[in-house]
Amino acid sequence: MLLTVDVGNTNISLGLYEGAELVGDWRMRTDARITADELALTMRGLLGRFADGITGISALSTVPAVLRELRVMLGRYYPRVPKVIIEPGVRTGVPLLVDNPKEVGADRLVNTLAAHHLHATACVVVDFGTSTNVDAISARGEFLGGAFAPGIEISVDALAARAAALRKVELVPPRSVIGKNTVECLQSGILYGFAGQVDGLVRRIVRELQGSGTEPVTVIATGGLAPLVLDESETIKEHVPDLTLLGLRLVYERNVR
């Protein structure tokens, strides 16, 4: 079985594939101070009975400190297991049509590969994580660039920290867009505001992708915070929560035979 590991700034996502089927997935909190031994212990605890059946590993990390410990952990606890860590030089088959390809995060790259694998159209991938990433992909599977915006949780934390009369609230839809109390006003601004922000960015990117043509563009949402915005967005048509894990599987298959 193939273990896929996606280390993000907020969470670490684990996926277990048997062939092309995702048979299990887990999430754990990212701690930049975690050691290789702690990482191995936590992962083995989550994997449970699957822990000794790993025959391949594909991983990425957007947190340099955790990436260092991840390398140590894989070498110490899985020395004989074929493994791929997404970094420059790893074959992905994704052309990077940007000014500096080395700046493109591994998560954005594997999302591009997975989106193109699922659809034969141009795509926009909206990744709701620590930041909100809106990335453009051509119909040929080329990564064209995108836009970054502050993530939902970062914005909520900043608002609560900087405004004395405001506080963190449960992120659920209020009774109406026009809030009748402080909690509802915050919920309205956060949920509908972020949905409007994403829709605005997506519409502009889609116009650039289409140019003078009318070719279709598929808009895909992923990331742990995507469910908060899905019902309020007018442009997102598909939700693929395991998009990054799928991309990790595809990269592994390209590099390990």
C-alpha atoms as a PDB file:
ATOM      1  CA  MET A   1       0.000   0.000   0.000  1.00  0.00           C
ATOM      2  CA  LEU A   2       1.128   3.529  -0.790  1.00  0.00           C
ATOM      3  CA  LEU A   3       1.270   6.093   2.020  1.00  0.00           C
ATOM      4  CA  THR A   4       0.875   9.724   0.915  1.00  0.00           C
ATOM      5  CA  VAL A   5       1.929  12.512   3.306  1.00  0.00           C
ATOM      6  CA  ASP A   6       0.970  16.166   2.781  1.00  0.00           C
ATOM      7  CA  VAL A   7       2.588  18.447   5.371  1.00  0.00           C
ATOM      8  CA  GLY A   8       0.856  21.830   5.324  1.00  0.00           C
ATOM      9  CA  ASN A   9       1.324  24.845   7.542  1.00  0.00           C
ATOM     10  CA  THR A  10      -1.693  23.960   9.708  1.00  0.00           C
ATOM     11  CA  ASN A  11      -2.322  20.227   9.260  1.00  0.00           C
ATOM     12  CA  ILE A  12      -0.618  17.068   8.065  1.00  0.00           C
ATOM     13  CA  SER A  13      -2.844  14.912   5.857  1.00  0.00           C
ATOM     14  CA  LEU A  14      -2.177  11.212   5.423  1.00  0.00           C
ATOM     15  CA  GLY A  15      -3.698   9.037   2.717  1.00  0.00           C
ATOM     16  CA  LEU A  16      -3.405   5.310   2.172  1.00  0.00           C
ATOM     17  CA  TYR A  17      -3.841   3.955  -1.347  1.00  0.00           C
ATOM     18  CA  GLU A  18      -4.347   0.393  -2.464  1.00  0.00           C
ATOM     19  CA  GLY A  19      -3.827   0.705  -6.176  1.00  0.00           C
ATOM     20  CA  ALA A  20      -5.914   3.664  -7.312  1.00  0.00           C
ATOM     21  CA  GLU A  21      -8.323   3.444  -4.372  1.00  0.00           C
ATOM     22  CA  LEU A  22      -7.977   5.694  -1.320  1.00  0.00           C
ATOM     23  CA  VAL A  23      -8.716   3.255   1.500  1.00  0.00           C
ATOM     24  CA  GLY A  24      -8.077   5.584   4.440  1.00  0.00           C
ATOM     25  CA  ASP A  25      -7.156   9.157   5.306  1.00  0.00           C
ATOM     26  CA  TRP A  26      -6.204  10.939   8.519  1.00  0.00           C
ATOM     27  CA  ARG A  27      -5.297  14.456   9.673  1.00  0.00           C
ATOM     28  CA  MET A  28      -2.963  15.621  12.417  1.00  0.00           C
ATOM     29  CA  ARG A  29      -1.881  19.061  13.582  1.00  0.00           C
ATOM     30  CA  THR A  30       1.356  20.472  12.153  1.00  0.00           C
ATOM     31  CA  ASP A  31       3.943  21.337  14.785  1.00  0.00           C
ATOM     32  CA  ALA A  32       7.138  22.900  13.441  1.00  0.00           C
ATOM     33  CA  ARG A  33       8.992  21.612  16.525  1.00  0.00           C
ATOM     34  CA  ILE A  34       8.014  17.956  16.036  1.00  0.00           C
ATOM     35  CA  THR A  35      10.887  15.472  15.958  1.00  0.00           C
ATOM     36  CA  ALA A  36      11.329  12.570  13.565  1.00  0.00           C
ATOM     37  CA  ASP A  37      10.567  10.074  16.328  1.00  0.00           C
ATOM     38  CA  GLU A  38       7.398  11.920  17.407  1.00  0.00           C
ATOM     39  CA  LEU A  39       6.273  12.114  13.791  1.00  0.00           C
ATOM     40  CA  ALA A  40       6.773   8.369  13.306  1.00  0.00           C
ATOM     41  CA  LEU A  41       4.973   7.513  16.560  1.00  0.00           C
ATOM     42  CA  THR A  42       1.949   9.681  15.720  1.00  0.00           C
ATOM     43  CA  MET A  43       1.700   8.411  12.161  1.00  0.00           C
ATOM     44  CA  ARG A  44       1.940   4.769  13.210  1.00  0.00           C
ATOM     45  CA  GLY A  45      -0.741   5.363  15.813  1.00  0.00           C
ATOM     46  CA  LEU A  46      -3.093   6.789  13.206  1.00  0.00           C
ATOM     47  CA  LEU A  47      -2.349   4.085  10.638  1.00  0.00           C
ATOM     48  CA  GLY A  48      -3.004   1.347  13.177  1.00  0.00           C
ATOM     49  CA  ARG A  49      -3.209  -2.085  11.563  1.00  0.00           C
ATOM     50  CA  PHE A  50      -2.043  -0.624   8.222  1.00  0.00           C
ATOM     51  CA  ALA A  51       1.279   0.613   9.634  1.00  0.00           C
ATOM     52  CA  ASP A  52       3.263  -2.514   8.762  1.00  0.00           C
ATOM     53  CA  GLY A  53       1.796  -2.866   5.279  1.00  0.00           C
ATOM     54  CA  ILE A  54       3.381   0.221   3.687  1.00  0.00           C
ATOM     55  CA  THR A  55       5.136  -0.621   0.412  1.00  0.00           C
ATOM     56  CA  GLY A  56       5.695   2.920  -0.887  1.00  0.00           C
ATOM     57  CA  ILE A  57       5.676   6.516   0.362  1.00  0.00           C
ATOM     58  CA  SER A  58       5.076   9.805  -1.455  1.00  0.00           C
ATOM     59  CA  ALA A  59       5.423  12.997   0.558  1.00  0.00           C
ATOM     60  CA  LEU A  60       5.661  16.768   0.404  1.00  0.00           C
ATOM     61  CA  SER A  61       6.117  19.503   2.968  1.00  0.00           C
ATOM     62  CA  THR A  62       5.616  23.258   2.770  1.00  0.00           C
ATOM     63  CA  VAL A  63       7.195  23.612   6.249  1.00  0.00           C
ATOM     64  CA  PRO A  64      11.021  23.410   6.016  1.00  0.00           C
ATOM     65  CA  ALA A  65      11.525  22.390   9.667  1.00  0.00           C
ATOM     66  CA  VAL A  66       9.096  19.494   9.341  1.00  0.00           C
ATOM     67  CA  LEU A  67      10.545  18.510   5.956  1.00  0.00           C
ATOM     68  CA  ARG A  68      13.922  18.005   7.630  1.00  0.00           C
ATOM     69  CA  GLU A  69      12.427  15.764  10.316  1.00  0.00           C
ATOM     70  CA  LEU A  70      10.298  13.968   7.719  1.00  0.00           C
ATOM     71  CA  ARG A  71      13.441  12.985   5.815  1.00  0.00           C
ATOM     72  CA  VAL A  72      15.030  11.656   9.005  1.00  0.00           C
ATOM     73  CA  MET A  73      11.878   9.762   9.949  1.00  0.00           C
ATOM     74  CA  LEU A  74      11.513   8.094   6.558  1.00  0.00           C
ATOM     75  CA  GLY A  75      15.163   7.055   6.519  1.00  0.00           C
ATOM     76  CA  ARG A  76      15.035   5.693  10.077  1.00  0.00           C
ATOM     77  CA  TYR A  77      11.674   3.938  10.139  1.00  0.00           C
ATOM     78  CA  TYR A  78      11.150   3.052   6.450  1.00  0.00           C
ATOM     79  CA  PRO A  79      14.700   2.488   5.160  1.00  0.00           C
ATOM     80  CA  ARG A  80      13.792  -0.195   2.599  1.00  0.00           C
ATOM     81  CA  VAL A  81      10.501   1.288   1.396  1.00  0.00           C
ATOM     82  CA  PRO A  82      10.608   3.091  -1.999  1.00  0.00           C
ATOM     83  CA  LYS A  83       9.862   6.753  -1.413  1.00  0.00           C
ATOM     84  CA  VAL A  84       9.467  10.032  -3.288  1.00  0.00           C
ATOM     85  CA  ILE A  85       9.688  13.473  -1.693  1.00  0.00           C
ATOM     86  CA  ILE A  86       8.374  16.228  -3.962  1.00  0.00           C
ATOM     87  CA  GLU A  87      11.183  18.711  -4.626  1.00  0.00           C
ATOM     88  CA  PRO A  88      13.063  20.161  -7.605  1.00  0.00           C
ATOM     89  CA  GLY A  89      14.296  17.370  -9.844  1.00  0.00           C
ATOM     90  CA  VAL A  90      11.404  15.001  -9.207  1.00  0.00           C
ATOM     91  CA  ARG A  91       9.530  14.121 -12.381  1.00  0.00           C
ATOM     92  CA  THR A  92       5.951  15.389 -12.369  1.00  0.00           C
ATOM     93  CA  GLY A  93       5.200  16.007 -16.039  1.00  0.00           C
ATOM     94  CA  VAL A  94       3.849  19.468 -15.170  1.00  0.00           C
ATOM     95  CA  PRO A  95       5.285  22.364 -17.231  1.00  0.00           C
ATOM     96  CA  LEU A  96       5.701  25.434 -15.007  1.00  0.00           C
ATOM     97  CA  LEU A  97       4.980  28.548 -17.094  1.00  0.00           C
ATOM     98  CA  VAL A  98       5.988  31.058 -14.429  1.00  0.00           C
ATOM     99  CA  ASP A  99       8.912  33.448 -13.922  1.00  0.00           C
ATOM    100  CA  ASN A 100      10.680  31.312 -11.314  1.00  0.00           C
ATOM    101  CA  PRO A 101       9.617  27.639 -11.274  1.00  0.00           C
ATOM    102  CA  LYS A 102      11.560  27.029  -8.033  1.00  0.00           C
ATOM    103  CA  GLU A 103       9.109  29.289  -6.197  1.00  0.00           C
ATOM    104  CA  VAL A 104       6.133  27.033  -6.941  1.00  0.00           C
ATOM    105  CA  GLY A 105       5.134  25.112  -3.835  1.00  0.00           C
ATOM    106  CA  ALA A 106       5.030  21.337  -4.040  1.00  0.00           C
ATOM    107  CA  ASP A 107       1.359  21.332  -3.017  1.00  0.00           C
ATOM    108  CA  ARG A 108       0.392  23.597  -5.924  1.00  0.00           C
ATOM    109  CA  LEU A 109       2.356  21.409  -8.316  1.00  0.00           C
ATOM    110  CA  VAL A 110       0.728  18.121  -7.311  1.00  0.00           C
ATOM    111  CA  ASN A 111      -2.707  19.787  -7.273  1.00  0.00           C
ATOM    112  CA  THR A 112      -2.085  20.780 -10.880  1.00  0.00           C
ATOM    113  CA  LEU A 113      -1.178  17.214 -11.825  1.00  0.00           C
ATOM    114  CA  ALA A 114      -4.254  15.796 -10.064  1.00  0.00           C
ATOM    115  CA  ALA A 115      -6.669  18.340 -11.575  1.00  0.00           C
ATOM    116  CA  HIS A 116      -5.397  17.641 -15.092  1.00  0.00           C
ATOM    117  CA  HIS A 117      -5.646  13.915 -14.419  1.00  0.00           C
ATOM    118  CA  LEU A 118      -9.332  14.289 -13.486  1.00  0.00           C
ATOM    119  CA  HIS A 119     -10.367  16.683 -16.258  1.00  0.00           C
ATOM    120  CA  ALA A 120      -9.462  17.272 -19.883  1.00  0.00           C
ATOM    121  CA  THR A 121     -10.216  20.997 -19.596  1.00  0.00           C
ATOM    122  CA  ALA A 122      -8.492  24.077 -18.308  1.00  0.00           C
ATOM    123  CA  CYS A 123      -8.909  24.213 -14.524  1.00  0.00           C
ATOM    124  CA  VAL A 124      -8.881  26.610 -11.615  1.00  0.00           C
ATOM    125  CA  VAL A 125      -7.950  25.016  -8.284  1.00  0.00           C
ATOM    126  CA  VAL A 126      -9.004  26.840  -5.118  1.00  0.00           C
ATOM    127  CA  ASP A 127      -7.092  25.453  -2.137  1.00  0.00           C
ATOM    128  CA  PHE A 128      -8.563  26.585   1.182  1.00  0.00           C
ATOM    129  CA  GLY A 129      -5.719  26.176   3.649  1.00  0.00           C
ATOM    130  CA  THR A 130      -3.603  28.456   5.814  1.00  0.00           C
ATOM    131  CA  SER A 131      -3.683  30.730   2.792  1.00  0.00           C
ATOM    132  CA  THR A 132      -6.291  30.612   0.055  1.00  0.00           C
ATOM    133  CA  ASN A 133      -4.534  29.691  -3.197  1.00  0.00           C
ATOM    134  CA  VAL A 134      -6.292  30.154  -6.538  1.00  0.00           C
ATOM    135  CA  ASP A 135      -4.258  28.495  -9.293  1.00  0.00           C
ATOM    136  CA  ALA A 136      -4.738  28.405 -13.065  1.00  0.00           C
ATOM    137  CA  ILE A 137      -4.053  25.326 -15.183  1.00  0.00           C
ATOM    138  CA  SER A 138      -4.182  25.139 -18.957  1.00  0.00           C
ATOM    139  CA  ALA A 139      -6.045  22.467 -20.907  1.00  0.00           C
ATOM    140  CA  ARG A 140      -2.617  20.915 -21.621  1.00  0.00           C
ATOM    141  CA  GLY A 141      -1.874  20.551 -17.907  1.00  0.00           C
ATOM    142  CA  GLU A 142       0.499  23.521 -17.680  1.00  0.00           C
ATOM    143  CA  PHE A 143       0.753  25.435 -14.417  1.00  0.00           C
ATOM    144  CA  LEU A 144       0.155  29.078 -15.335  1.00  0.00           C
ATOM    145  CA  GLY A 145       0.330  30.806 -11.950  1.00  0.00           C
ATOM    146  CA  GLY A 146      -2.385  32.115  -9.677  1.00  0.00           C
ATOM    147  CA  ALA A 147      -3.254  34.303  -6.717  1.00  0.00           C
ATOM    148  CA  PHE A 148      -2.786  34.144  -2.948  1.00  0.00           C
ATOM    149  CA  ALA A 149      -5.129  35.544  -0.309  1.00  0.00           C
ATOM    150  CA  PRO A 150      -5.104  35.291   3.494  1.00  0.00           C
ATOM    151  CA  GLY A 151      -6.749  32.097   4.714  1.00  0.00           C
ATOM    152  CA  ILE A 152     -10.035  32.051   6.597  1.00  0.00           C
ATOM    153  CA  GLU A 153      -8.585  31.106   9.983  1.00  0.00           C
ATOM    154  CA  ILE A 154      -5.731  33.617   9.703  1.00  0.00           C
ATOM    155  CA  SER A 155      -8.214  36.397   8.974  1.00  0.00           C
ATOM    156  CA  VAL A 156     -10.503  35.410  11.859  1.00  0.00           C
ATOM    157  CA  ASP A 157      -7.576  35.268  14.286  1.00  0.00           C
ATOM    158  CA  ALA A 158      -6.268  38.655  13.133  1.00  0.00           C
ATOM    159  CA  LEU A 159      -9.695  40.265  13.477  1.00  0.00           C
ATOM    160  CA  ALA A 160     -10.180  38.902  17.001  1.00  0.00           C
ATOM    161  CA  ALA A 161      -6.687  39.997  18.017  1.00  0.00           C
ATOM    162  CA  ARG A 162      -6.869  43.534  16.644  1.00  0.00           C
ATOM    163  CA  ALA A 163     -10.481  44.490  17.436  1.00  0.00           C
ATOM    164  CA  ALA A 164     -11.168  44.696  21.185  1.00  0.00           C
ATOM    165  CA  ALA A 165     -14.955  44.236  20.871  1.00  0.00           C
ATOM    166  CA  LEU A 166     -14.772  41.280  18.460  1.00  0.00           C
ATOM    167  CA  ARG A 167     -14.042  37.620  19.157  1.00  0.00           C
ATOM    168  CA  LYS A 168     -13.706  34.291  17.401  1.00  0.00           C
ATOM    169  CA  VAL A 169     -17.051  32.762  16.459  1.00  0.00           C
ATOM    170  CA  GLU A 170     -18.324  29.449  15.145  1.00  0.00           C
ATOM    171  CA  LEU A 171     -18.067  29.494  11.364  1.00  0.00           C
ATOM    172  CA  VAL A 172     -21.634  28.612  10.393  1.00  0.00           C
ATOM    173  CA  PRO A 173     -24.079  30.565   8.182  1.00  0.00           C
ATOM    174  CA  PRO A 174     -26.023  33.264  10.059  1.00  0.00           C
ATOM    175  CA  ARG A 175     -29.795  33.656   9.782  1.00  0.00           C
ATOM    176  CA  SER A 176     -29.348  36.300   7.080  1.00  0.00           C
ATOM    177  CA  VAL A 177     -26.625  38.276   5.359  1.00  0.00           C
ATOM    178  CA  ILE A 178     -27.662  41.293   7.415  1.00  0.00           C
ATOM    179  CA  GLY A 179     -26.486  40.248  10.859  1.00  0.00           C
ATOM    180  CA  LYS A 180     -28.667  41.182  13.828  1.00  0.00           C
ATOM    181  CA  ASN A 181     -25.938  40.819  16.460  1.00  0.00           C
ATOM    182  CA  THR A 182     -22.150  40.793  16.707  1.00  0.00           C
ATOM    183  CA  VAL A 183     -21.821  37.048  16.179  1.00  0.00           C
ATOM    184  CA  GLU A 184     -24.031  37.048  13.077  1.00  0.00           C
ATOM    185  CA  CYS A 185     -22.248  40.105  11.674  1.00  0.00           C
ATOM    186  CA  LEU A 186     -18.922  38.290  11.982  1.00  0.00           C
ATOM    187  CA  GLN A 187     -20.300  35.071  10.501  1.00  0.00           C
ATOM    188  CA  SER A 188     -21.798  36.959   7.564  1.00  0.00           C
ATOM    189  CA  GLY A 189     -18.634  38.880   6.806  1.00  0.00           C
ATOM    190  CA  ILE A 190     -16.428  35.831   7.055  1.00  0.00           C
ATOM    191  CA  LEU A 191     -18.505  33.297   5.101  1.00  0.00           C
ATOM    192  CA  TYR A 192     -20.083  35.503   2.457  1.00  0.00           C
ATOM    193  CA  GLY A 193     -17.055  37.780   2.283  1.00  0.00           C
ATOM    194  CA  PHE A 194     -14.653  34.929   1.531  1.00  0.00           C
ATOM    195  CA  ALA A 195     -17.091  33.377  -0.935  1.00  0.00           C
ATOM    196  CA  GLY A 196     -17.314  36.708  -2.750  1.00  0.00           C
ATOM    197  CA  GLN A 197     -13.544  37.107  -2.725  1.00  0.00           C
ATOM    198  CA  VAL A 198     -12.996  33.662  -4.219  1.00  0.00           C
ATOM    199  CA  ASP A 199     -15.745  34.126  -6.816  1.00  0.00           C
ATOM    200  CA  GLY A 200     -14.243  37.446  -7.875  1.00  0.00           C
ATOM    201  CA  LEU A 201     -10.762  35.979  -8.309  1.00  0.00           C
ATOM    202  CA  VAL A 202     -12.067  32.875 -10.098  1.00  0.00           C
ATOM    203  CA  ARG A 203     -14.134  34.909 -12.566  1.00  0.00           C
ATOM    204  CA  ARG A 204     -11.154  37.075 -13.485  1.00  0.00           C
ATOM    205  CA  ILE A 205      -8.864  34.062 -13.902  1.00  0.00           C
ATOM    206  CA  VAL A 206     -11.465  32.218 -16.002  1.00  0.00           C
ATOM    207  CA  ARG A 207     -11.756  35.246 -18.320  1.00  0.00           C
ATOM    208  CA  GLU A 208      -7.989  35.225 -18.828  1.00  0.00           C
ATOM    209  CA  LEU A 209      -7.931  31.463 -19.415  1.00  0.00           C
ATOM    210  CA  GLN A 210     -10.688  31.632 -21.983  1.00  0.00           C
ATOM    211  CA  GLY A 211      -9.348  34.703 -23.756  1.00  0.00           C
ATOM    212  CA  SER A 212     -11.406  35.200 -26.875  1.00  0.00           C
ATOM    213  CA  GLY A 213     -12.536  31.576 -26.935  1.00  0.00           C
ATOM    214  CA  THR A 214     -15.282  29.742 -25.115  1.00  0.00           C
ATOM    215  CA  GLU A 215     -13.405  26.642 -23.999  1.00  0.00           C
ATOM    216  CA  PRO A 216     -14.694  25.214 -20.711  1.00  0.00           C
ATOM    217  CA  VAL A 217     -12.906  25.779 -17.404  1.00  0.00           C
ATOM    218  CA  THR A 218     -13.451  23.451 -14.436  1.00  0.00           C
ATOM    219  CA  VAL A 219     -13.306  25.069 -10.986  1.00  0.00           C
ATOM    220  CA  ILE A 220     -12.220  22.675  -8.220  1.00  0.00           C
ATOM    221  CA  ALA A 221     -12.107  23.310  -4.481  1.00  0.00           C
ATOM    222  CA  THR A 222      -9.846  21.449  -2.063  1.00  0.00           C
ATOM    223  CA  GLY A 223      -8.275  22.029   1.335  1.00  0.00           C
ATOM    224  CA  GLY A 224      -9.499  21.553   4.875  1.00  0.00           C
ATOM    225  CA  LEU A 225     -11.559  24.761   5.010  1.00  0.00           C
ATOM    226  CA  ALA A 226     -13.305  24.306   1.652  1.00  0.00           C
ATOM    227  CA  PRO A 227     -16.594  22.993   3.147  1.00  0.00           C
ATOM    228  CA  LEU A 228     -17.128  26.348   4.878  1.00  0.00           C
ATOM    229  CA  VAL A 229     -17.444  28.185   1.563  1.00  0.00           C
ATOM    230  CA  LEU A 230     -18.773  25.583  -0.894  1.00  0.00           C
ATOM    231  CA  ASP A 231     -22.474  26.290  -0.377  1.00  0.00           C
ATOM    232  CA  GLU A 232     -21.963  30.053  -0.678  1.00  0.00           C
ATOM    233  CA  SER A 233     -19.719  30.105  -3.757  1.00  0.00           C
ATOM    234  CA  GLU A 234     -21.230  30.695  -7.199  1.00  0.00           C
ATOM    235  CA  THR A 235     -18.177  29.589  -9.196  1.00  0.00           C
ATOM    236  CA  ILE A 236     -16.931  26.397  -7.512  1.00  0.00           C
ATOM    237  CA  LYS A 237     -18.474  23.396  -9.247  1.00  0.00           C
ATOM    238  CA  GLU A 238     -16.521  20.463  -7.801  1.00  0.00           C
ATOM    239  CA  HIS A 239     -15.101  19.546  -4.405  1.00  0.00           C
ATOM    240  CA  VAL A 240     -12.152  17.118  -4.338  1.00  0.00           C
ATOM    241  CA  PRO A 241     -10.949  16.962  -0.715  1.00  0.00           C
ATOM    242  CA  ASP A 242      -8.172  14.462  -1.498  1.00  0.00           C
ATOM    243  CA  LEU A 243      -6.799  16.325  -4.541  1.00  0.00           C
ATOM    244  CA  THR A 244      -3.299  16.746  -3.078  1.00  0.00           C
ATOM    245  CA  LEU A 245      -3.141  13.116  -1.965  1.00  0.00           C
ATOM    246  CA  LEU A 246      -4.158  12.043  -5.469  1.00  0.00           C
ATOM    247  CA  GLY A 247      -1.378  14.191  -6.918  1.00  0.00           C
ATOM    248  CA  LEU A 248       1.133  12.563  -4.573  1.00  0.00           C
ATOM    249  CA  ARG A 249       0.043   9.138  -5.793  1.00  0.00           C
ATOM    250  CA  LEU A 250       0.418  10.180  -9.428  1.00  0.00           C
ATOM    251  CA  VAL A 251       3.918  11.584  -8.848  1.00  0.00           C
ATOM    252  CA  TYR A 252       4.961   8.370  -7.102  1.00  0.00           C
ATOM    253  CA  GLU A 253       3.744   6.300 -10.044  1.00  0.00           C
ATOM    254  CA  ARG A 254       5.784   8.478 -12.429  1.00  0.00           C
ATOM    255  CA  ASN A 255       8.979   8.036 -10.441  1.00  0.00           C
ATOM    256  CA  VAL A 256       8.851   4.530  -8.920  1.00  0.00           C
ATOM    257  CA  ARG A 257       8.173   1.481 -11.044  1.00  0.00           C
END
